[in-house]
All heavy atoms as atom14 arrays in JSON, in Angstrom:
{
  "sequence": "TKKDKRIKYIFTENKGCSSARNLGIDLSVGEYIWFIDSDDF",
  "atom14_mask": [
    [1, 1, 1, 1, 1, 1, 1, 0, 0, 0, 0, 0, 0, 0],
    [1, 1, 1, 1, 1, 1, 1, 1, 1, 0, 0, 0, 0, 0],
    [1, 1, 1, 1, 1, 1, 1, 1, 1, 0, 0, 0, 0, 0],
    [1, 1, 1, 1, 1, 1, 1, 1, 0, 0, 0, 0, 0, 0],
    [1, 1, 1, 1, 1, 1, 1, 1, 1, 0, 0, 0, 0, 0],
    [1, 1, 1, 1, 1, 1, 1, 1, 1, 1, 1, 0, 0, 0],
    [1, 1, 1, 1, 1, 1, 1, 1, 0, 0, 0, 0, 0, 0],
    [1, 1, 1, 1, 1, 1, 1, 1, 1, 0, 0, 0, 0, 0],
    [1, 1, 1, 1, 1, 1, 1, 1, 1, 1, 1, 1, 0, 0],
    [1, 1, 1, 1, 1, 1, 1, 1, 0, 0, 0, 0, 0, 0],
    [1, 1, 1, 1, 1, 1, 1, 1, 1, 1, 1, 0, 0, 0],
    [1, 1, 1, 1, 1, 1, 1, 0, 0, 0, 0, 0, 0, 0],
    [1, 1, 1, 1, 1, 1, 1, 1, 1, 0, 0, 0, 0, 0],
    [1, 1, 1, 1, 1, 1, 1, 1, 0, 0, 0, 0, 0, 0],
    [1, 1, 1, 1, 1, 1, 1, 1, 1, 0, 0, 0, 0, 0],
    [1, 1, 1, 1, 0, 0, 0, 0, 0, 0, 0, 0, 0, 0],
    [1, 1, 1, 1, 1, 1, 0, 0, 0, 0, 0, 0, 0, 0],
    [1, 1, 1, 1, 1, 1, 0, 0, 0, 0, 0, 0, 0, 0],
    [1, 1, 1, 1, 1, 1, 0, 0, 0, 0, 0, 0, 0, 0],
    [1, 1, 1, 1, 1, 0, 0, 0, 0, 0, 0, 0, 0, 0],
    [1, 1, 1, 1, 1, 1, 1, 1, 1, 1, 1, 0, 0, 0],
    [1, 1, 1, 1, 1, 1, 1, 1, 0, 0, 0, 0, 0, 0],
    [1, 1, 1, 1, 1, 1, 1, 1, 0, 0, 0, 0, 0, 0],
    [1, 1, 1, 1, 0, 0, 0, 0, 0, 0, 0, 0, 0, 0],
    [1, 1, 1, 1, 1, 1, 1, 1, 0, 0, 0, 0, 0, 0],
    [1, 1, 1, 1, 1, 1, 1, 1, 0, 0, 0, 0, 0, 0],
    [1, 1, 1, 1, 1, 1, 1, 1, 0, 0, 0, 0, 0, 0],
    [1, 1, 1, 1, 1, 1, 0, 0, 0, 0, 0, 0, 0, 0],
    [1, 1, 1, 1, 1, 1, 1, 0, 0, 0, 0, 0, 0, 0],
    [1, 1, 1, 1, 0, 0, 0, 0, 0, 0, 0, 0, 0, 0],
    [1, 1, 1, 1, 1, 1, 1, 1, 1, 0, 0, 0, 0, 0],
    [1, 1, 1, 1, 1, 1, 1, 1, 1, 1, 1, 1, 0, 0],
    [1, 1, 1, 1, 1, 1, 1, 1, 0, 0, 0, 0, 0, 0],
    [1, 1, 1, 1, 1, 1, 1, 1, 1, 1, 1, 1, 1, 1],
    [1, 1, 1, 1, 1, 1, 1, 1, 1, 1, 1, 0, 0, 0],
    [1, 1, 1, 1, 1, 1, 1, 1, 0, 0, 0, 0, 0, 0],
    [1, 1, 1, 1, 1, 1, 1, 1, 0, 0, 0, 0, 0, 0],
    [1, 1, 1, 1, 1, 1, 0, 0, 0, 0, 0, 0, 0, 0],
    [1, 1, 1, 1, 1, 1, 1, 1, 0, 0, 0, 0, 0, 0],
    [1, 1, 1, 1, 1, 1, 1, 1, 0, 0, 0, 0, 0, 0],
    [1, 1, 1, 1, 1, 1, 1, 1, 1, 1, 1, 0, 0, 0]
  ],
  "atom14_positions": [
    [[-3.53, 6.01, 10.71], [-4.01, 6.98, 9.72], [-4.39, 8.3, 10.38], [-4.17, 9.39, 9.83], [-5.22, 6.41, 8.95], [-4.85, 5.17, 8.36], [-5.67, 7.35, 7.86], [0.0, 0.0, 0.0], [0.0, 0.0, 0.0], [0.0, 0.0, 0.0], [0.0, 0.0, 0.0], [0.0, 0.0, 0.0], [0.0, 0.0, 0.0], [0.0, 0.0, 0.0]],
    [[-4.94, 8.23, 11.58], [-5.31, 9.43, 12.33], [-4.07, 10.19, 12.82], [-4.09, 11.42, 12.95], [-6.18, 9.06, 13.53], [-7.56, 8.53, 13.14], [-8.31, 8.04, 14.36], [-9.65, 7.4, 13.98], [-10.34, 6.85, 15.17], [0.0, 0.0, 0.0], [0.0, 0.0, 0.0], [0.0, 0.0, 0.0], [0.0, 0.0, 0.0], [0.0, 0.0, 0.0]],
    [[-2.98, 9.46, 13.07], [-1.77, 10.07, 13.62], [-0.9, 10.75, 12.57], [-0.21, 11.73, 12.87], [-0.92, 8.99, 14.32], [-1.53, 8.42, 15.57], [-0.6, 7.34, 16.14], [-1.2, 6.65, 17.34], [-0.32, 5.56, 17.85], [0.0, 0.0, 0.0], [0.0, 0.0, 0.0], [0.0, 0.0, 0.0], [0.0, 0.0, 0.0], [0.0, 0.0, 0.0]],
    [[-0.91, 10.23, 11.35], [0.05, 10.7, 10.34], [-0.66, 10.95, 9.01], [-1.21, 10.02, 8.41], [1.16, 9.65, 10.16], [2.4, 10.23, 9.5], [2.24, 10.88, 8.45], [3.52, 10.01, 10.0], [0.0, 0.0, 0.0], [0.0, 0.0, 0.0], [0.0, 0.0, 0.0], [0.0, 0.0, 0.0], [0.0, 0.0, 0.0], [0.0, 0.0, 0.0]],
    [[-0.63, 12.18, 8.56], [-1.34, 12.55, 7.32], [-0.71, 11.95, 6.07], [-1.31, 11.97, 4.99], [-1.39, 14.07, 7.19], [-0.03, 14.73, 7.02], [-0.16, 16.24, 6.9], [1.2, 16.89, 6.7], [1.1, 18.37, 6.59], [0.0, 0.0, 0.0], [0.0, 0.0, 0.0], [0.0, 0.0, 0.0], [0.0, 0.0, 0.0], [0.0, 0.0, 0.0]],
    [[0.51, 11.41, 6.18], [1.17, 10.81, 5.02], [0.64, 9.42, 4.71], [0.94, 8.84, 3.66], [2.68, 10.73, 5.27], [3.35, 12.09, 5.44], [4.8, 11.94, 5.87], [4.94, 11.28, 7.16], [6.09, 10.96, 7.75], [7.22, 11.25, 7.13], [6.11, 10.36, 8.93], [0.0, 0.0, 0.0], [0.0, 0.0, 0.0], [0.0, 0.0, 0.0]],
    [[-0.17, 8.87, 5.62], [-0.68, 7.51, 5.46], [-2.02, 7.51, 4.73], [-2.93, 8.28, 5.05], [-0.84, 6.82, 6.83], [0.53, 6.64, 7.49], [-1.53, 5.47, 6.68], [0.47, 6.05, 8.89], [0.0, 0.0, 0.0], [0.0, 0.0, 0.0], [0.0, 0.0, 0.0], [0.0, 0.0, 0.0], [0.0, 0.0, 0.0], [0.0, 0.0, 0.0]],
    [[-2.14, 6.62, 3.74], [-3.41, 6.34, 3.07], [-3.8, 4.9, 3.41], [-2.96, 4.0, 3.34], [-3.27, 6.48, 1.56], [-2.92, 7.88, 1.07], [-2.77, 7.88, -0.44], [-2.38, 9.24, -0.96], [-2.16, 9.21, -2.44], [0.0, 0.0, 0.0], [0.0, 0.0, 0.0], [0.0, 0.0, 0.0], [0.0, 0.0, 0.0], [0.0, 0.0, 0.0]],
    [[-5.06, 4.69, 3.73], [-5.52, 3.34, 4.09], [-6.61, 2.88, 3.14], [-7.59, 3.58, 2.9], [-6.03, 3.33, 5.53], [-6.65, 2.0, 5.92], [-5.91, 0.83, 5.9], [-7.99, 1.93, 6.29], [-6.48, -0.38, 6.25], [-8.57, 0.72, 6.64], [-7.8, -0.43, 6.61], [-8.36, -1.63, 6.95], [0.0, 0.0, 0.0], [0.0, 0.0, 0.0]],
    [[-6.43, 1.68, 2.6], [-7.41, 1.09, 1.68], [-7.73, -0.32, 2.14], [-6.82, -1.11, 2.44], [-6.86, 1.04, 0.23], [-6.61, 2.45, -0.3], [-7.83, 0.32, -0.69], [-5.2, 2.92, -0.15], [0.0, 0.0, 0.0], [0.0, 0.0, 0.0], [0.0, 0.0, 0.0], [0.0, 0.0, 0.0], [0.0, 0.0, 0.0], [0.0, 0.0, 0.0]],
    [[-9.02, -0.64, 2.19], [-9.45, -2.01, 2.51], [-10.02, -2.64, 1.24], [-10.84, -2.04, 0.54], [-10.52, -2.01, 3.6], [-10.96, -3.39, 4.01], [-10.34, -4.06, 5.05], [-11.99, -4.03, 3.33], [-10.74, -5.35, 5.41], [-12.39, -5.31, 3.67], [-11.76, -5.96, 4.72], [0.0, 0.0, 0.0], [0.0, 0.0, 0.0], [0.0, 0.0, 0.0]],
    [[-9.57, -3.85, 0.92], [-10.1, -4.57, -0.24], [-10.46, -5.99, 0.18], [-10.0, -6.48, 1.21], [-9.07, -4.66, -1.39], [-7.98, -5.52, -1.0], [-8.53, -3.28, -1.73], [0.0, 0.0, 0.0], [0.0, 0.0, 0.0], [0.0, 0.0, 0.0], [0.0, 0.0, 0.0], [0.0, 0.0, 0.0], [0.0, 0.0, 0.0], [0.0, 0.0, 0.0]],
    [[-11.25, -6.65, -0.63], [-11.51, -8.07, -0.38], [-10.22, -8.85, -0.66], [-9.36, -8.4, -1.42], [-12.64, -8.58, -1.26], [-12.36, -8.51, -2.76], [-13.53, -9.0, -3.58], [-14.53, -8.27, -3.69], [-13.44, -10.12, -4.11], [0.0, 0.0, 0.0], [0.0, 0.0, 0.0], [0.0, 0.0, 0.0], [0.0, 0.0, 0.0], [0.0, 0.0, 0.0]],
    [[-10.1, -9.99, -0.04], [-8.87, -10.77, -0.13], [-8.64, -11.31, -1.54], [-9.4, -12.12, -2.05], [-8.92, -11.93, 0.87], [-7.68, -12.79, 0.82], [-7.73, -13.97, 0.51], [-6.53, -12.2, 1.12], [0.0, 0.0, 0.0], [0.0, 0.0, 0.0], [0.0, 0.0, 0.0], [0.0, 0.0, 0.0], [0.0, 0.0, 0.0], [0.0, 0.0, 0.0]],
    [[-7.55, -10.83, -2.17], [-7.17, -11.29, -3.5], [-5.71, -11.71, -3.57], [-5.22, -12.09, -4.63], [-7.43, -10.19, -4.53], [-8.89, -9.84, -4.71], [-9.06, -8.74, -5.76], [-10.52, -8.38, -5.94], [-10.67, -7.27, -6.94], [0.0, 0.0, 0.0], [0.0, 0.0, 0.0], [0.0, 0.0, 0.0], [0.0, 0.0, 0.0], [0.0, 0.0, 0.0]],
    [[-4.98, -11.59, -2.47], [-3.59, -11.99, -2.45], [-2.64, -10.8, -2.5], [-3.0, -9.69, -2.88], [0.0, 0.0, 0.0], [0.0, 0.0, 0.0], [0.0, 0.0, 0.0], [0.0, 0.0, 0.0], [0.0, 0.0, 0.0], [0.0, 0.0, 0.0], [0.0, 0.0, 0.0], [0.0, 0.0, 0.0], [0.0, 0.0, 0.0], [0.0, 0.0, 0.0]],
    [[-1.39, -11.09, -2.11], [-0.37, -10.04, -2.02], [-0.11, -9.36, -3.36], [0.08, -8.14, -3.43], [0.92, -10.65, -1.47], [2.25, -9.47, -1.2], [0.0, 0.0, 0.0], [0.0, 0.0, 0.0], [0.0, 0.0, 0.0], [0.0, 0.0, 0.0], [0.0, 0.0, 0.0], [0.0, 0.0, 0.0], [0.0, 0.0, 0.0], [0.0, 0.0, 0.0]],
    [[-0.08, -10.14, -4.43], [0.2, -9.56, -5.76], [-0.84, -8.51, -6.13], [-0.49, -7.42, -6.61], [0.23, -10.66, -6.82], [1.38, -11.46, -6.69], [0.0, 0.0, 0.0], [0.0, 0.0, 0.0], [0.0, 0.0, 0.0], [0.0, 0.0, 0.0], [0.0, 0.0, 0.0], [0.0, 0.0, 0.0], [0.0, 0.0, 0.0], [0.0, 0.0, 0.0]],
    [[-2.1, -8.83, -5.93], [-3.16, -7.88, -6.25], [-3.06, -6.62, -5.4], [-3.31, -5.51, -5.88], [-4.54, -8.53, -6.06], [-4.75, -9.54, -7.03], [0.0, 0.0, 0.0], [0.0, 0.0, 0.0], [0.0, 0.0, 0.0], [0.0, 0.0, 0.0], [0.0, 0.0, 0.0], [0.0, 0.0, 0.0], [0.0, 0.0, 0.0], [0.0, 0.0, 0.0]],
    [[-2.7, -6.8, -4.12], [-2.54, -5.65, -3.23], [-1.39, -4.76, -3.7], [-1.51, -3.52, -3.72], [-2.3, -6.12, -1.8], [0.0, 0.0, 0.0], [0.0, 0.0, 0.0], [0.0, 0.0, 0.0], [0.0, 0.0, 0.0], [0.0, 0.0, 0.0], [0.0, 0.0, 0.0], [0.0, 0.0, 0.0], [0.0, 0.0, 0.0], [0.0, 0.0, 0.0]],
    [[-0.27, -5.35, -4.08], [0.85, -4.57, -4.6], [0.47, -3.85, -5.89], [0.84, -2.69, -6.11], [2.06, -5.48, -4.84], [2.77, -5.93, -3.57], [3.83, -6.95, -3.91], [4.6, -7.35, -2.74], [5.39, -8.42, -2.69], [5.51, -9.2, -3.77], [6.08, -8.72, -1.6], [0.0, 0.0, 0.0], [0.0, 0.0, 0.0], [0.0, 0.0, 0.0]],
    [[-0.25, -4.55, -6.77], [-0.66, -3.94, -8.03], [-1.58, -2.74, -7.79], [-1.48, -1.73, -8.49], [-1.37, -4.97, -8.91], [-0.42, -6.04, -9.43], [0.79, -5.86, -9.46], [-0.97, -7.17, -9.84], [0.0, 0.0, 0.0], [0.0, 0.0, 0.0], [0.0, 0.0, 0.0], [0.0, 0.0, 0.0], [0.0, 0.0, 0.0], [0.0, 0.0, 0.0]],
    [[-2.47, -2.87, -6.81], [-3.33, -1.75, -6.45], [-2.49, -0.58, -5.94], [-2.76, 0.58, -6.27], [-4.34, -2.2, -5.39], [-5.31, -1.13, -4.88], [-6.14, -0.56, -6.03], [-6.22, -1.71, -3.8], [0.0, 0.0, 0.0], [0.0, 0.0, 0.0], [0.0, 0.0, 0.0], [0.0, 0.0, 0.0], [0.0, 0.0, 0.0], [0.0, 0.0, 0.0]],
    [[-1.46, -0.9, -5.17], [-0.55, 0.13, -4.68], [0.14, 0.87, -5.82], [0.31, 2.09, -5.76], [0.0, 0.0, 0.0], [0.0, 0.0, 0.0], [0.0, 0.0, 0.0], [0.0, 0.0, 0.0], [0.0, 0.0, 0.0], [0.0, 0.0, 0.0], [0.0, 0.0, 0.0], [0.0, 0.0, 0.0], [0.0, 0.0, 0.0], [0.0, 0.0, 0.0]],
    [[0.53, 0.14, -6.84], [1.14, 0.77, -8.03], [0.17, 1.76, -8.65], [0.53, 2.89, -8.98], [1.55, -0.3, -9.06], [2.72, -1.15, -8.53], [1.93, 0.35, -10.39], [3.05, -2.36, -9.38], [0.0, 0.0, 0.0], [0.0, 0.0, 0.0], [0.0, 0.0, 0.0], [0.0, 0.0, 0.0], [0.0, 0.0, 0.0], [0.0, 0.0, 0.0]],
    [[-1.08, 1.33, -8.81], [-2.09, 2.18, -9.47], [-2.46, 3.4, -8.64], [-2.75, 4.47, -9.19], [-3.35, 1.36, -9.77], [-3.12, 0.32, -10.86], [-2.19, 0.51, -11.68], [-3.85, -0.69, -10.88], [0.0, 0.0, 0.0], [0.0, 0.0, 0.0], [0.0, 0.0, 0.0], [0.0, 0.0, 0.0], [0.0, 0.0, 0.0], [0.0, 0.0, 0.0]],
    [[-2.42, 3.28, -7.32], [-2.83, 4.38, -6.44], [-1.69, 5.34, -6.1], [-1.94, 6.47, -5.67], [-3.42, 3.83, -5.14], [-4.72, 3.03, -5.25], [-5.1, 2.46, -3.89], [-5.84, 3.89, -5.8], [0.0, 0.0, 0.0], [0.0, 0.0, 0.0], [0.0, 0.0, 0.0], [0.0, 0.0, 0.0], [0.0, 0.0, 0.0], [0.0, 0.0, 0.0]],
    [[-0.48, 4.9, -6.3], [0.68, 5.69, -5.86], [0.84, 6.96, -6.69], [0.52, 7.0, -7.89], [1.95, 4.85, -5.97], [2.23, 4.52, -7.31], [0.0, 0.0, 0.0], [0.0, 0.0, 0.0], [0.0, 0.0, 0.0], [0.0, 0.0, 0.0], [0.0, 0.0, 0.0], [0.0, 0.0, 0.0], [0.0, 0.0, 0.0], [0.0, 0.0, 0.0]],
    [[1.35, 8.01, -6.05], [1.62, 9.27, -6.75], [3.11, 9.62, -6.72], [3.52, 10.6, -7.33], [0.8, 10.44, -6.16], [-0.69, 10.18, -6.33], [1.14, 10.67, -4.7], [0.0, 0.0, 0.0], [0.0, 0.0, 0.0], [0.0, 0.0, 0.0], [0.0, 0.0, 0.0], [0.0, 0.0, 0.0], [0.0, 0.0, 0.0], [0.0, 0.0, 0.0]],
    [[3.91, 8.83, -6.03], [5.34, 9.09, -5.95], [6.07, 8.75, -7.24], [5.59, 7.94, -8.04], [0.0, 0.0, 0.0], [0.0, 0.0, 0.0], [0.0, 0.0, 0.0], [0.0, 0.0, 0.0], [0.0, 0.0, 0.0], [0.0, 0.0, 0.0], [0.0, 0.0, 0.0], [0.0, 0.0, 0.0], [0.0, 0.0, 0.0], [0.0, 0.0, 0.0]],
    [[7.22, 9.36, -7.43], [8.05, 9.06, -8.6], [8.68, 7.67, -8.48], [8.99, 7.03, -9.49], [9.16, 10.1, -8.75], [8.65, 11.5, -9.04], [9.78, 12.51, -9.07], [10.92, 12.14, -9.42], [9.54, 13.69, -8.73], [0.0, 0.0, 0.0], [0.0, 0.0, 0.0], [0.0, 0.0, 0.0], [0.0, 0.0, 0.0], [0.0, 0.0, 0.0]],
    [[8.86, 7.21, -7.25], [9.47, 5.9, -7.0], [8.58, 5.11, -6.04], [7.81, 5.69, -5.27], [10.87, 6.06, -6.4], [11.88, 6.59, -7.4], [11.99, 7.96, -7.64], [12.7, 5.72, -8.12], [12.9, 8.45, -8.58], [13.61, 6.2, -9.05], [13.7, 7.56, -9.27], [14.6, 8.03, -10.21], [0.0, 0.0, 0.0], [0.0, 0.0, 0.0]],
    [[8.7, 3.78, -6.09], [7.87, 2.9, -5.27], [8.74, 1.93, -4.49], [9.71, 1.37, -5.02], [6.88, 2.09, -6.15], [5.94, 3.04, -6.91], [6.06, 1.14, -5.3], [4.95, 2.32, -7.82], [0.0, 0.0, 0.0], [0.0, 0.0, 0.0], [0.0, 0.0, 0.0], [0.0, 0.0, 0.0], [0.0, 0.0, 0.0], [0.0, 0.0, 0.0]],
    [[8.36, 1.73, -3.23], [9.04, 0.76, -2.36], [7.97, -0.17, -1.79], [7.02, 0.28, -1.16], [9.76, 1.49, -1.24], [10.64, 0.64, -0.36], [10.94, -0.68, -0.52], [11.34, 1.07, 0.81], [11.79, -1.11, 0.47], [12.05, -0.05, 1.3], [11.44, 2.29, 1.48], [12.86, 0.01, 2.44], [12.24, 2.35, 2.62], [12.94, 1.23, 3.09]],
    [[8.13, -1.47, -2.01], [7.21, -2.47, -1.48], [7.79, -3.04, -0.18], [8.89, -3.58, -0.17], [7.0, -3.61, -2.48], [6.44, -3.16, -3.8], [7.26, -3.03, -4.91], [5.09, -2.86, -3.94], [6.77, -2.62, -6.13], [4.57, -2.44, -5.16], [5.42, -2.31, -6.26], [0.0, 0.0, 0.0], [0.0, 0.0, 0.0], [0.0, 0.0, 0.0]],
    [[7.02, -2.93, 0.9], [7.46, -3.42, 2.21], [6.46, -4.45, 2.7], [5.24, -4.25, 2.59], [7.58, -2.26, 3.22], [8.71, -1.31, 2.79], [7.81, -2.77, 4.62], [8.87, -0.1, 3.7], [0.0, 0.0, 0.0], [0.0, 0.0, 0.0], [0.0, 0.0, 0.0], [0.0, 0.0, 0.0], [0.0, 0.0, 0.0], [0.0, 0.0, 0.0]],
    [[6.94, -5.56, 3.25], [6.05, -6.58, 3.83], [5.66, -6.18, 5.25], [6.48, -5.65, 6.01], [6.74, -7.94, 3.84], [6.83, -8.55, 2.44], [6.23, -7.98, 1.51], [7.52, -9.57, 2.28], [0.0, 0.0, 0.0], [0.0, 0.0, 0.0], [0.0, 0.0, 0.0], [0.0, 0.0, 0.0], [0.0, 0.0, 0.0], [0.0, 0.0, 0.0]],
    [[4.44, -6.49, 5.63], [3.89, -6.01, 6.9], [4.5, -6.66, 8.13], [4.32, -6.17, 9.24], [2.37, -6.21, 6.92], [2.05, -7.57, 6.71], [0.0, 0.0, 0.0], [0.0, 0.0, 0.0], [0.0, 0.0, 0.0], [0.0, 0.0, 0.0], [0.0, 0.0, 0.0], [0.0, 0.0, 0.0], [0.0, 0.0, 0.0], [0.0, 0.0, 0.0]],
    [[5.21, -7.77, 7.97], [5.85, -8.41, 9.13], [7.34, -8.05, 9.22], [8.05, -8.59, 10.06], [5.67, -9.93, 9.1], [6.09, -10.56, 7.78], [6.38, -9.81, 6.83], [6.13, -11.79, 7.7], [0.0, 0.0, 0.0], [0.0, 0.0, 0.0], [0.0, 0.0, 0.0], [0.0, 0.0, 0.0], [0.0, 0.0, 0.0], [0.0, 0.0, 0.0]],
    [[7.8, -7.15, 8.36], [9.19, -6.69, 8.38], [9.24, -5.25, 8.87], [8.21, -4.62, 9.12], [9.8, -6.8, 6.99], [9.84, -8.24, 6.47], [9.84, -9.15, 7.31], [9.83, -8.42, 5.25], [0.0, 0.0, 0.0], [0.0, 0.0, 0.0], [0.0, 0.0, 0.0], [0.0, 0.0, 0.0], [0.0, 0.0, 0.0], [0.0, 0.0, 0.0]],
    [[10.44, -4.68, 8.95], [10.56, -3.27, 9.32], [11.85, -2.71, 8.74], [12.74, -3.46, 8.33], [10.52, -3.09, 10.84], [11.65, -3.74, 11.6], [12.75, -2.99, 12.03], [11.62, -5.09, 11.91], [13.78, -3.58, 12.73], [12.66, -5.69, 12.61], [13.74, -4.94, 13.03], [0.0, 0.0, 0.0], [0.0, 0.0, 0.0], [0.0, 0.0, 0.0]]
  ]
}
């Protein structure tokens, strides 16, 4: 987050991947959304 201004970081209590993705939908400002898993690239 310190290296790249395009990154937003949010910490939440553990609710599962679905809840995290849903939060991403609500917080996103882009016209399109891409969901990426953290163990992939």
